[in-house]
């Protein structure tokens, strides 16, 4: 996946109205991607998802 793909996914997740669900989906996605891409920036992704911790 490229940066534009991650941005698109983050936009979709950010659109989830329920904050608990949004944070859970964002964390699970970040975990899954991080397992395959060591350069993945988890905190940047979570911020883009409006799910920063």
C-alpha atoms as a PDB file:
ATOM      1  CA  UNK A   1       0.000   0.000   0.000  1.00  0.00           C
ATOM      2  CA  UNK A   2       1.163   3.508  -0.697  1.00  0.00           C
ATOM      3  CA  UNK A   3       0.794   6.696   1.313  1.00  0.00           C
ATOM      4  CA  UNK A   4      -2.279   7.674  -0.694  1.00  0.00           C
ATOM      5  CA  UNK A   5      -3.912   4.332   0.154  1.00  0.00           C
ATOM      6  CA  UNK A   6      -3.233   4.817   3.860  1.00  0.00           C
ATOM      7  CA  UNK A   7      -4.618   8.359   3.624  1.00  0.00           C
ATOM      8  CA  UNK A   8      -7.796   7.039   2.008  1.00  0.00           C
ATOM      9  CA  UNK A   9      -8.217   4.387   4.702  1.00  0.00           C
ATOM     10  CA  UNK A  10      -7.587   6.983   7.425  1.00  0.00           C
ATOM     11  CA  UNK A  11     -10.243   9.244   5.893  1.00  0.00           C
ATOM     12  CA  UNK A  12     -12.786   6.436   6.020  1.00  0.00           C
ATOM     13  CA  UNK A  13     -11.916   5.599   9.618  1.00  0.00           C
ATOM     14  CA  UNK A  14     -12.019   9.276  10.614  1.00  0.00           C
ATOM     15  CA  UNK A  15     -15.590   9.362   9.330  1.00  0.00           C
ATOM     16  CA  UNK A  16     -16.759   6.826  11.899  1.00  0.00           C
ATOM     17  CA  UNK A  17     -18.934   8.849  14.268  1.00  0.00           C
ATOM     18  CA  UNK A  18     -18.717   6.621  17.329  1.00  0.00           C
ATOM     19  CA  UNK A  19     -15.407   7.524  19.007  1.00  0.00           C
ATOM     20  CA  UNK A  20     -14.908   4.130  20.667  1.00  0.00           C
ATOM     21  CA  UNK A  21     -15.443   2.254  17.435  1.00  0.00           C
ATOM     22  CA  UNK A  22     -13.276   4.715  15.483  1.00  0.00           C
ATOM     23  CA  UNK A  23     -10.379   4.290  17.916  1.00  0.00           C
ATOM     24  CA  UNK A  24     -10.728   0.505  17.940  1.00  0.00           C
ATOM     25  CA  UNK A  25     -10.790   0.218  14.149  1.00  0.00           C
ATOM     26  CA  UNK A  26      -7.834   2.612  13.835  1.00  0.00           C
ATOM     27  CA  UNK A  27      -5.772   0.694  16.408  1.00  0.00           C
ATOM     28  CA  UNK A  28      -6.521  -2.669  14.806  1.00  0.00           C
ATOM     29  CA  UNK A  29      -5.667  -1.377  11.336  1.00  0.00           C
ATOM     30  CA  UNK A  30      -2.444   0.212  12.601  1.00  0.00           C
ATOM     31  CA  UNK A  31      -1.454  -3.040  14.302  1.00  0.00           C
ATOM     32  CA  UNK A  32      -2.166  -5.126  11.197  1.00  0.00           C
ATOM     33  CA  UNK A  33      -0.233  -2.829   8.871  1.00  0.00           C
ATOM     34  CA  UNK A  34       2.647  -2.426  11.312  1.00  0.00           C
ATOM     35  CA  UNK A  35       3.219  -6.180  11.264  1.00  0.00           C
ATOM     36  CA  UNK A  36       3.996  -6.056   7.544  1.00  0.00           C
ATOM     37  CA  UNK A  37       5.660  -2.669   7.196  1.00  0.00           C
ATOM     38  CA  UNK A  38       8.381  -1.746   9.684  1.00  0.00           C
ATOM     39  CA  UNK A  39       8.402   1.859   8.403  1.00  0.00           C
ATOM     40  CA  UNK A  40       4.704   2.374   9.128  1.00  0.00           C
ATOM     41  CA  UNK A  41       4.207   5.412  11.376  1.00  0.00           C
ATOM     42  CA  UNK A  42       1.481   4.312  13.799  1.00  0.00           C
ATOM     43  CA  UNK A  43       1.065   7.655  15.580  1.00  0.00           C
ATOM     44  CA  UNK A  44       0.789   9.562  12.299  1.00  0.00           C
ATOM     45  CA  UNK A  45      -1.853   7.126  11.061  1.00  0.00           C
ATOM     46  CA  UNK A  46      -3.860   7.374  14.294  1.00  0.00           C
ATOM     47  CA  UNK A  47      -3.774  11.177  14.062  1.00  0.00           C
ATOM     48  CA  UNK A  48      -5.035  11.004  10.487  1.00  0.00           C
ATOM     49  CA  UNK A  49      -7.862   8.742  11.690  1.00  0.00           C
ATOM     50  CA  UNK A  50      -8.769  11.250  14.412  1.00  0.00           C
ATOM     51  CA  UNK A  51      -8.006   8.491  16.887  1.00  0.00           C
ATOM     52  CA  UNK A  52      -4.755   9.621  18.500  1.00  0.00           C
ATOM     53  CA  UNK A  53      -4.199   8.280  21.983  1.00  0.00           C
END
